């Protein structure tokens, strides 16, 4: 069984703060999948992860904001 604590412990913020966006993105996505599956899509922890992913895309530029919209709304 997947554990939301594992999802929380992924080093997303470390990679993001170091500018290692390519390393952070798959971890955010993995965390999001785990949290949605275990906690449900409306859980506040899912929103926190989505916010972190959105911030990662914002830091990379507007092109990824469009990508985030595709991910969230399709």
Protein backbone atom coordinates (compact mmCIF):
# COMPACT_ATOMS: atom_id res chain seq x y z
CA UNK A 1 0.00 0.00 0.00
CA UNK A 2 1.20 3.47 -0.78
CA UNK A 3 1.78 5.71 2.19
CA UNK A 4 1.11 9.47 2.16
CA UNK A 5 4.05 9.94 4.53
CA UNK A 6 6.36 8.66 1.79
CA UNK A 7 4.84 11.19 -0.58
CA UNK A 8 5.47 13.96 1.94
CA UNK A 9 9.06 12.92 2.50
CA UNK A 10 10.07 13.18 -1.16
CA UNK A 11 12.76 15.85 -1.60
CA UNK A 12 10.67 18.14 -3.78
CA UNK A 13 11.40 21.33 -1.86
CA UNK A 14 15.12 20.61 -1.67
CA UNK A 15 15.41 20.16 -5.42
CA UNK A 16 13.22 23.19 -6.09
CA UNK A 17 15.24 25.43 -3.77
CA UNK A 18 18.43 24.32 -5.52
CA UNK A 19 16.97 25.08 -8.94
CA UNK A 20 16.96 21.39 -9.88
CA UNK A 21 13.50 21.60 -11.41
CA UNK A 22 13.90 18.53 -13.63
CA UNK A 23 14.55 16.43 -10.52
CA UNK A 24 11.72 18.01 -8.52
CA UNK A 25 8.91 17.68 -11.07
CA UNK A 26 8.63 13.86 -11.17
CA UNK A 27 8.73 13.76 -7.36
CA UNK A 28 5.88 16.28 -7.11
CA UNK A 29 3.89 14.24 -9.61
CA UNK A 30 4.58 10.98 -7.75
CA UNK A 31 3.59 12.62 -4.49
CA UNK A 32 0.40 13.91 -6.05
CA UNK A 33 -0.59 10.48 -7.37
CA UNK A 34 0.04 8.83 -4.01
CA UNK A 35 -1.86 11.47 -2.04
CA UNK A 36 -4.83 11.49 -4.42
CA UNK A 37 -5.04 7.70 -4.29
CA UNK A 38 -4.69 7.35 -0.52
CA UNK A 39 -6.30 10.56 0.77
CA UNK A 40 -8.71 11.45 -2.04
CA UNK A 41 -8.57 14.35 -4.48
CA UNK A 42 -10.24 16.83 -2.14
CA UNK A 43 -7.85 16.36 0.79
CA UNK A 44 -5.91 19.48 1.90
CA UNK A 45 -2.57 17.66 1.52
CA UNK A 46 -3.35 17.17 -2.17
CA UNK A 47 -3.89 20.92 -2.47
CA UNK A 48 -0.52 21.55 -0.80
CA UNK A 49 1.22 19.31 -3.33
CA UNK A 50 -0.61 20.95 -6.23
CA UNK A 51 0.49 24.32 -4.91
CA UNK A 52 4.09 23.14 -4.77
CA UNK A 53 3.88 21.87 -8.35
CA UNK A 54 2.32 25.15 -9.48
CA UNK A 55 5.11 27.09 -7.77
CA UNK A 56 7.69 24.90 -9.49
CA UNK A 57 6.10 25.67 -12.86
CA UNK A 58 5.88 29.37 -12.01
CA UNK A 59 9.59 29.41 -11.25
CA UNK A 60 10.26 27.81 -14.63
CA UNK A 61 8.18 30.33 -16.54
CA UNK A 62 4.78 30.88 -18.07
CA UNK A 63 5.02 28.01 -20.56
CA UNK A 64 4.75 25.54 -17.72
CA UNK A 65 1.74 27.35 -16.27
CA UNK A 66 -0.10 26.37 -19.44
CA UNK A 67 1.14 22.81 -18.96
CA UNK A 68 -0.14 22.82 -15.37
CA UNK A 69 -3.60 23.80 -16.64
CA UNK A 70 -3.53 20.83 -18.98
CA UNK A 71 -2.51 18.49 -16.14
CA UNK A 72 -5.14 19.80 -13.74
CA UNK A 73 -8.08 20.17 -16.05
CA UNK A 74 -7.87 17.18 -18.37
